[in-house]
Amino acid sequence: MKISVAGIIAEYNPFHKGHFCLIEEVKKTGATHIIAVMSGNFIQRGGPAMISKFTRAQAAVSSGVDLVLELPVPFAMSTAQTFARAGIFLLGALGCVEQLAFGSESGDIAALEQAARILNTTECSVQIRDRLKKGIPYAAARQEAFAFLAGEQAASLLSGPNNTLGIEYLTALQDFKLPMKVFSMKRQGAEHDSAIAREGIASGSFLRDLFFEQGIEALLPYIPERAFQVYQKNEGKTLPCLEKRLEPAALSTLRRMEREDFSRLPDISEGLDSRIYNSARQAVSLEGLLAAVKTKRYPMARIRRIIWSAFLGIPAGLSQKAPPYLRILAMNRRGLEILSQAKPALPLSSSLRDLERLGGDCAVFSRLEAQAGDLYTLGLPEPFPCGTDYTHRVCPLNIPPAV
């Protein structure tokens, strides 16, 4: 049977109608099967996902995705560049993905690909580095460098967060020399992080806020029905995970750390380790800690990732490695069809225990993932004992195509 597989990199926190629209649009281009590489229990901005990864994966599979692979936590909770590269690497490693799909503010693939080529040049790297030396934050340094090389109008692409992530995907495709076709849907409805919904589509941040303010029923207009049913069934169990429940444990971890421990965390630069160490010894809340550390040079997302990396025990350098395995979180019968066509270049399994037994980096990443899962469940309405990641089993769900 001839199939055509499209890949998506996502967090689905939660899966909403905007995500569903992207799936429907990429299918119109000829894709017959959809695979998603999805963040686990901790996400790119730093901190726990509102909904557990297994529930999010099940919701995605109920609503148009056929196979969900996990983006390991060191990559899921990293910079946009590292997040994107790891996701692309995993899609390429499966050996059967023909097309990459993502949403963007632009929707102009030619412009996004041209931006990726410019950003991937040595000249652009030099321009960025010169600006970083002046203390300019990375995002601003990159935009200034791009404007210097391509002009202000072209640089405006980098002001859109979905454009920026899409450009990182395209840069990774170029670096890895992966012959995937690319489809980008112009973002519809609400903008990224918008505080209002438009055309029946809301941003993930809007939906998370809405859930905490009004409860799960308020999400129904913005969530595909089958995904909503999954969330509704798991409310009070695997959602919501509250950062507040994890706060005492996170603060206690930070208070026990020595100054040199902070220097060994991901994305630490000179002086930032001391700033976090000193602030952690004074702070009585995560909010207070973040406020004390944040500056124009150190944006909030970066600080959050560092603090939660400390809590999870993620060392510097791990995210600079390549993902060592392909781990299945959920799939349906069509997901089995994808696997029948796959030619994986990495170990592939739904069992974290089996992946750990392979040793080497597989063991390192598996143990870290299991530990992150153990800590994450303490933020759930009903905390689980340790080992949930090891005992989770994937059974192909017999779900008809989403309509």
Protein backbone atom coordinates (compact mmCIF):
# COMPACT_ATOMS: atom_id res chain seq x y z
CA MET A 1 0.00 0.00 0.00
CA LYS A 2 1.39 3.38 -1.02
CA ILE A 3 1.17 6.00 1.71
CA SER A 4 2.43 9.57 1.96
CA VAL A 5 3.50 10.65 5.45
CA ALA A 6 3.58 14.26 6.65
CA GLY A 7 5.33 15.26 9.86
CA ILE A 8 4.41 17.96 12.37
CA ILE A 9 6.39 19.17 15.40
CA ALA A 10 4.15 20.38 18.21
CA GLU A 11 3.30 20.67 21.89
CA TYR A 12 -0.50 20.31 21.68
CA ASN A 13 -0.96 21.96 25.05
CA PRO A 14 -3.86 21.61 24.36
CA PHE A 15 -4.71 20.26 20.90
CA HIS A 16 -7.14 22.78 19.39
CA LYS A 17 -8.94 23.59 16.16
CA GLY A 18 -5.95 25.46 14.75
CA HIS A 19 -3.93 22.23 14.98
CA PHE A 20 -6.80 20.35 13.38
CA CYS A 21 -6.94 22.85 10.49
CA LEU A 22 -3.25 22.30 9.75
CA ILE A 23 -3.81 18.54 9.55
CA GLU A 24 -6.75 18.97 7.22
CA GLU A 25 -4.85 21.38 4.96
CA VAL A 26 -1.76 19.21 4.64
CA LYS A 27 -3.95 16.26 3.73
CA LYS A 28 -5.26 18.29 0.81
CA THR A 29 -1.70 18.34 -0.56
CA GLY A 30 -1.70 14.56 -0.82
CA ALA A 31 -0.57 13.45 2.62
CA THR A 32 -2.37 10.26 3.66
CA HIS A 33 -0.87 9.78 7.14
CA ILE A 34 0.21 12.21 9.86
CA ILE A 35 2.99 11.82 12.40
CA ALA A 36 3.64 14.31 15.20
CA VAL A 37 6.81 14.77 17.22
CA MET A 38 5.44 16.16 20.48
CA SER A 39 7.00 17.61 23.63
CA GLY A 40 6.64 15.48 26.72
CA ASN A 41 5.61 16.66 30.17
CA PHE A 42 7.76 19.80 30.11
CA ILE A 43 7.56 22.39 27.36
CA GLN A 44 9.68 24.83 25.41
CA ARG A 45 8.91 27.95 27.43
CA GLY A 46 10.01 26.17 30.59
CA GLY A 47 7.77 24.42 33.08
CA PRO A 48 5.18 21.65 33.12
CA ALA A 49 2.56 21.15 30.42
CA MET A 50 -1.01 21.71 31.60
CA ILE A 51 -1.97 18.21 30.39
CA SER A 52 0.12 15.06 30.72
CA LYS A 53 1.91 13.89 27.59
CA PHE A 54 0.02 10.60 27.37
CA THR A 55 -3.34 12.37 27.48
CA ARG A 56 -2.19 14.98 24.96
CA ALA A 57 -0.93 12.25 22.65
CA GLN A 58 -4.22 10.37 22.91
CA ALA A 59 -6.16 13.56 22.14
CA ALA A 60 -4.01 14.18 19.07
CA VAL A 61 -4.52 10.63 17.81
CA SER A 62 -8.26 10.99 18.33
CA SER A 63 -8.30 14.05 16.09
CA GLY A 64 -6.26 13.38 12.97
CA VAL A 65 -2.71 12.46 14.02
CA ASP A 66 -1.86 8.79 13.40
CA LEU A 67 1.42 8.41 15.29
CA VAL A 68 2.90 10.50 18.11
CA LEU A 69 6.61 10.36 18.95
CA GLU A 70 8.09 12.00 22.02
CA LEU A 71 10.58 14.85 21.83
CA PRO A 72 12.90 14.05 24.79
CA VAL A 73 12.84 16.55 27.62
CA PRO A 74 16.30 18.15 27.11
CA PHE A 75 15.18 19.19 23.61
CA ALA A 76 11.56 19.95 24.47
CA MET A 77 12.69 22.43 27.11
CA SER A 78 15.31 24.25 25.08
CA THR A 79 15.75 27.15 22.67
CA ALA A 80 13.66 27.34 19.51
CA GLN A 81 16.69 26.34 17.45
CA THR A 82 17.43 23.23 19.52
CA PHE A 83 13.75 22.32 19.78
CA ALA A 84 13.34 22.56 16.01
CA ARG A 85 16.54 20.69 15.11
CA ALA A 86 15.73 17.78 17.40
CA GLY A 87 12.20 17.50 16.03
CA ILE A 88 13.43 17.53 12.43
CA PHE A 89 16.14 15.00 13.29
CA LEU A 90 13.54 12.58 14.67
CA LEU A 91 11.26 12.98 11.65
CA GLY A 92 14.20 12.27 9.38
CA ALA A 93 15.31 9.30 11.48
CA LEU A 94 11.98 7.54 10.99
CA GLY A 95 12.89 7.11 7.34
CA CYS A 96 9.44 7.52 5.78
CA VAL A 97 8.39 11.15 6.26
CA GLU A 98 8.01 12.86 2.89
CA GLN A 99 6.66 16.23 3.97
CA LEU A 100 7.02 18.72 6.80
CA ALA A 101 3.99 20.80 7.79
CA PHE A 102 3.81 23.80 10.10
CA GLY A 103 1.81 26.94 10.69
CA SER A 104 3.30 30.41 10.23
CA GLU A 105 2.22 34.02 10.26
CA SER A 106 3.56 34.38 6.71
CA GLY A 107 2.50 31.20 4.94
CA ASP A 108 5.08 32.12 2.27
CA ILE A 109 7.41 29.12 1.94
CA ALA A 110 9.72 30.84 -0.57
CA ALA A 111 10.31 33.78 1.79
CA LEU A 112 10.81 31.51 4.79
CA GLU A 113 13.27 29.28 2.92
CA GLN A 114 15.23 32.32 1.76
CA ALA A 115 15.39 33.56 5.36
CA ALA A 116 16.65 30.16 6.47
CA ARG A 117 19.42 30.25 3.85
CA ILE A 118 20.56 33.71 4.97
CA LEU A 119 20.52 32.80 8.66
CA ASN A 120 22.53 29.68 7.85
CA THR A 121 25.45 31.63 6.38
CA THR A 122 28.78 32.25 8.09
CA GLU A 123 28.36 35.98 7.52
CA CYS A 124 25.10 36.02 9.46
CA SER A 125 26.66 34.04 12.30
CA VAL A 126 29.46 36.61 12.53
CA GLN A 127 26.95 39.48 12.59
CA ILE A 128 24.95 37.77 15.36
CA ARG A 129 28.06 37.04 17.40
CA ASP A 130 29.23 40.66 17.19
CA ARG A 131 25.91 41.84 18.58
CA LEU A 132 25.85 39.24 21.35
CA LYS A 133 29.21 40.56 22.53
CA LYS A 134 27.49 43.92 23.08
CA GLY A 135 24.98 42.29 25.43
CA ILE A 136 22.07 42.23 22.98
CA PRO A 137 19.67 39.28 23.61
CA TYR A 138 19.93 36.51 21.03
CA ALA A 139 16.55 37.07 19.39
CA ALA A 140 17.20 40.79 18.94
CA ALA A 141 20.77 40.15 17.78
CA ARG A 142 19.57 37.73 15.14
CA GLN A 143 16.89 40.12 13.87
CA GLU A 144 19.38 43.00 13.65
CA ALA A 145 21.89 40.80 11.83
CA PHE A 146 19.23 39.60 9.40
CA ALA A 147 18.08 43.16 8.74
CA PHE A 148 21.67 44.19 8.08
CA LEU A 149 22.02 41.45 5.44
CA ALA A 150 18.54 41.32 3.91
CA GLY A 151 16.78 44.56 4.80
CA GLU A 152 14.15 45.55 7.33
CA GLN A 153 11.20 44.20 5.35
CA ALA A 154 12.67 40.72 5.12
CA ALA A 155 13.69 40.86 8.78
CA SER A 156 10.07 41.49 9.77
CA LEU A 157 9.52 37.75 9.21
CA LEU A 158 11.46 37.13 12.42
CA SER A 159 8.96 39.13 14.47
CA GLY A 160 6.42 36.31 14.16
CA PRO A 161 7.07 33.45 16.61
CA ASN A 162 5.63 30.83 14.26
CA ASN A 163 7.68 32.23 11.37
CA THR A 164 10.77 32.06 13.55
CA LEU A 165 10.16 28.44 14.49
CA GLY A 166 9.38 27.57 10.88
CA ILE A 167 12.66 29.12 9.74
CA GLU A 168 14.48 26.98 12.30
CA TYR A 169 12.76 23.90 10.86
CA LEU A 170 13.87 24.87 7.37
CA THR A 171 17.42 25.57 8.52
CA ALA A 172 17.55 22.11 10.09
CA LEU A 173 16.23 20.51 6.88
CA GLN A 174 19.04 22.24 4.99
CA ASP A 175 21.69 21.18 7.51
CA PHE A 176 20.55 17.54 7.62
CA LYS A 177 20.01 17.48 3.83
CA LEU A 178 16.57 15.92 4.24
CA PRO A 179 14.57 15.84 0.98
CA MET A 180 11.20 16.64 2.54
CA LYS A 181 8.62 18.76 0.80
CA VAL A 182 7.46 21.67 2.95
CA PHE A 183 3.95 22.94 3.55
CA SER A 184 3.16 25.96 5.69
CA MET A 185 -0.37 27.07 6.45
CA LYS A 186 -0.85 30.76 7.12
CA ARG A 187 -1.93 31.04 10.73
CA GLN A 188 -5.68 31.45 10.99
CA GLY A 189 -7.83 32.93 13.73
CA ALA A 190 -6.09 34.17 16.86
CA GLU A 191 -2.43 35.13 16.81
CA HIS A 192 0.18 33.33 18.87
CA ASP A 193 -0.43 34.09 22.58
CA SER A 194 -3.45 36.22 21.70
CA ALA A 195 -5.77 36.98 24.62
CA ILE A 196 -8.84 36.70 22.40
CA ALA A 197 -10.26 34.07 20.06
CA ARG A 198 -10.97 34.74 16.38
CA GLU A 199 -12.96 32.72 13.86
CA GLY A 200 -13.45 29.93 16.39
CA ILE A 201 -9.69 29.47 16.82
CA ALA A 202 -7.86 30.39 20.02
CA SER A 203 -4.20 30.28 21.02
CA GLY A 204 -2.93 27.69 23.46
CA SER A 205 -2.21 30.32 26.11
CA PHE A 206 -5.76 31.67 25.79
CA LEU A 207 -7.18 28.16 26.24
CA ARG A 208 -5.02 27.43 29.26
CA ASP A 209 -6.12 30.67 30.91
CA LEU A 210 -9.73 29.95 29.99
CA PHE A 211 -9.55 26.49 31.55
CA PHE A 212 -8.21 27.83 34.84
CA GLU A 213 -10.78 30.62 34.93
CA GLN A 214 -13.94 28.81 33.78
CA GLY A 215 -13.28 25.07 33.68
CA ILE A 216 -13.03 22.52 30.92
CA GLU A 217 -16.52 23.09 29.49
CA ALA A 218 -15.44 26.55 28.36
CA LEU A 219 -12.92 24.96 25.96
CA LEU A 220 -15.53 23.08 23.92
CA PRO A 221 -16.00 25.74 21.19
CA TYR A 222 -12.25 25.73 20.44
CA ILE A 223 -11.32 22.04 20.76
CA PRO A 224 -12.17 19.24 18.27
CA GLU A 225 -14.95 17.16 19.83
CA ARG A 226 -12.96 13.95 20.13
CA ALA A 227 -10.01 15.71 21.75
CA PHE A 228 -12.39 17.45 24.14
CA GLN A 229 -13.84 14.07 25.14
CA VAL A 230 -10.34 12.81 25.95
CA TYR A 231 -9.65 15.86 28.12
CA GLN A 232 -13.04 15.67 29.80
CA LYS A 233 -12.52 12.01 30.64
CA ASN A 234 -9.13 12.74 32.22
CA GLU A 235 -10.01 15.93 34.09
CA GLY A 236 -9.02 15.57 37.72
CA LYS A 237 -6.57 12.79 36.83
CA THR A 238 -3.95 13.76 34.26
CA LEU A 239 -5.06 17.38 33.99
CA PRO A 240 -4.48 19.97 35.00
CA CYS A 241 -0.88 19.89 36.15
CA LEU A 242 -0.40 22.96 38.32
CA GLU A 243 2.99 24.62 38.53
CA LYS A 244 1.97 25.83 41.99
CA ARG A 245 1.89 22.25 43.26
CA LEU A 246 5.49 21.77 42.15
CA GLU A 247 6.72 25.09 43.50
CA PRO A 248 7.86 23.94 46.99
CA ALA A 249 9.80 21.04 45.49
CA ALA A 250 11.39 23.28 42.84
CA LEU A 251 12.41 25.91 45.39
CA SER A 252 13.83 23.28 47.74
CA THR A 253 15.94 21.87 44.91
CA LEU A 254 17.31 25.32 44.08
CA ARG A 255 18.08 26.09 47.73
CA ARG A 256 20.13 22.91 48.07
CA MET A 257 22.28 23.71 45.03
CA GLU A 258 25.75 25.23 45.31
CA ARG A 259 26.91 28.08 43.10
CA GLU A 260 28.94 25.75 40.87
CA ASP A 261 25.88 23.54 40.36
CA PHE A 262 24.17 26.39 38.52
CA SER A 263 27.16 26.81 36.22
CA ARG A 264 26.54 23.27 34.94
CA LEU A 265 22.97 23.93 33.78
CA PRO A 266 21.88 24.38 30.14
CA ASP A 267 22.05 27.84 28.54
CA ILE A 268 24.03 29.42 31.39
CA SER A 269 26.31 32.30 30.42
CA GLU A 270 28.85 34.22 32.46
CA GLY A 271 27.28 35.83 35.50
CA LEU A 272 23.85 34.26 35.11
CA ASP A 273 24.72 31.33 37.38
CA SER A 274 25.59 33.69 40.24
CA ARG A 275 22.49 35.78 39.62
CA ILE A 276 20.20 32.75 39.87
CA TYR A 277 22.08 31.31 42.85
CA ASN A 278 21.80 34.53 44.85
CA SER A 279 18.16 35.06 43.89
CA ALA A 280 17.20 31.47 44.73
CA ARG A 281 18.50 31.93 48.28
CA GLN A 282 16.26 34.96 48.79
CA ALA A 283 13.12 34.02 46.85
CA VAL A 284 10.09 32.59 48.62
CA SER A 285 8.16 31.94 45.39
CA LEU A 286 8.93 31.05 41.79
CA GLU A 287 7.29 34.26 40.67
CA GLY A 288 9.59 36.26 42.92
CA LEU A 289 12.63 34.32 41.74
CA LEU A 290 11.83 34.88 38.08
CA ALA A 291 11.25 38.59 38.65
CA ALA A 292 14.57 38.91 40.48
CA VAL A 293 16.58 37.18 37.75
CA LYS A 294 14.95 38.54 34.58
CA THR A 295 16.64 41.38 32.71
CA LYS A 296 16.51 42.69 29.13
CA ARG A 297 19.48 40.46 28.38
CA TYR A 298 17.93 37.35 29.96
CA PRO A 299 14.34 36.87 28.74
CA MET A 300 11.77 35.12 30.89
CA ALA A 301 11.56 31.94 28.81
CA ARG A 302 15.30 31.38 29.12
CA ILE A 303 15.24 31.87 32.89
CA ARG A 304 12.27 29.53 33.26
CA ARG A 305 14.01 26.80 31.26
CA ILE A 306 17.12 27.08 33.41
CA ILE A 307 15.18 26.92 36.67
CA TRP A 308 13.10 23.93 35.59
CA SER A 309 16.21 22.23 34.19
CA ALA A 310 17.70 22.55 37.67
CA PHE A 311 14.59 20.96 39.18
CA LEU A 312 14.72 18.07 36.69
CA GLY A 313 18.47 17.60 36.88
CA ILE A 314 19.15 18.31 33.19
CA PRO A 315 22.88 18.98 32.70
CA ALA A 316 24.42 21.34 30.18
CA GLY A 317 25.40 19.80 26.87
CA LEU A 318 22.77 17.07 26.74
CA SER A 319 20.60 19.02 24.31
CA GLN A 320 23.59 19.46 22.01
CA LYS A 321 23.63 15.73 21.35
CA ALA A 322 21.37 14.06 18.81
CA PRO A 323 18.20 12.37 20.11
CA PRO A 324 19.20 8.72 20.62
CA TYR A 325 15.88 6.96 20.02
CA LEU A 326 12.34 7.15 18.66
CA ARG A 327 9.76 6.66 21.38
CA ILE A 328 6.09 6.07 20.58
CA LEU A 329 3.57 7.79 22.87
CA ALA A 330 0.35 6.94 21.01
CA MET A 331 -0.91 5.67 17.67
CA ASN A 332 -3.93 4.32 15.87
CA ARG A 333 -4.22 1.58 13.26
CA ARG A 334 -2.99 3.98 10.61
CA GLY A 335 0.05 4.59 12.79
CA LEU A 336 0.86 0.90 12.34
CA GLU A 337 0.77 1.51 8.60
CA ILE A 338 3.35 4.27 9.03
CA LEU A 339 5.57 1.93 11.03
CA SER A 340 5.28 -0.73 8.33
CA GLN A 341 6.81 1.77 5.87
CA ALA A 342 9.41 3.17 8.27
CA LYS A 343 13.14 2.57 7.92
CA PRO A 344 14.25 3.85 11.31
CA ALA A 345 17.83 4.98 11.75
CA LEU A 346 17.43 4.95 15.55
CA PRO A 347 16.06 2.41 18.04
CA LEU A 348 12.25 2.54 17.91
CA SER A 349 9.99 1.46 20.77
CA SER A 350 7.02 2.43 22.89
CA SER A 351 8.78 1.01 25.97
CA LEU A 352 11.08 3.39 27.80
CA ARG A 353 12.42 0.43 29.79
CA ASP A 354 13.45 -1.37 26.60
CA LEU A 355 15.15 1.78 25.33
CA GLU A 356 17.00 2.19 28.62
CA ARG A 357 18.31 -1.35 28.41
CA LEU A 358 20.17 -0.40 25.21
CA GLY A 359 22.67 1.52 27.33
CA GLY A 360 24.74 4.55 26.35
CA ASP A 361 22.82 7.71 25.50
CA CYS A 362 19.59 5.70 25.26
CA ALA A 363 19.95 4.87 28.95
CA VAL A 364 20.90 8.44 29.91
CA PHE A 365 17.93 10.01 28.14
CA SER A 366 15.48 7.29 29.23
CA ARG A 367 16.35 7.67 32.91
CA LEU A 368 16.08 11.43 32.69
CA GLU A 369 12.68 11.12 30.98
CA ALA A 370 11.43 8.73 33.64
CA GLN A 371 12.63 11.04 36.41
CA ALA A 372 10.95 14.03 34.76
CA GLY A 373 7.74 12.02 34.58
CA ASP A 374 7.97 11.08 38.26
CA LEU A 375 8.36 14.72 39.28
CA TYR A 376 5.69 15.95 36.88
CA THR A 377 2.98 13.73 38.38
CA LEU A 378 3.37 15.55 41.72
CA GLY A 379 1.66 18.49 40.02
CA LEU A 380 -1.39 16.45 38.96
CA PRO A 381 -4.70 16.29 40.84
CA GLU A 382 -3.92 12.64 41.65
CA PRO A 383 -0.12 12.15 41.85
CA PHE A 384 1.17 8.80 40.64
CA PRO A 385 3.89 6.66 42.18
CA CYS A 386 7.27 6.56 40.47
CA GLY A 387 7.68 4.58 37.28
CA THR A 388 4.69 5.75 35.22
CA ASP A 389 6.87 6.22 32.16
CA TYR A 390 8.16 2.68 32.47
CA THR A 391 4.76 1.06 32.85
CA HIS A 392 2.93 2.99 30.11
CA ARG A 393 1.87 0.74 27.25
CA VAL A 394 0.76 1.80 23.79
CA CYS A 395 -2.14 -0.07 22.21
CA PRO A 396 -3.15 1.00 18.68
CA LEU A 397 -6.45 2.82 18.99
CA ASN A 398 -9.11 1.82 16.48
CA ILE A 399 -10.17 5.37 15.67
CA PRO A 400 -11.79 6.23 12.31
CA PRO A 401 -10.37 9.21 10.39
CA ALA A 402 -11.29 12.55 11.97
CA VAL A 403 -14.03 14.50 10.23
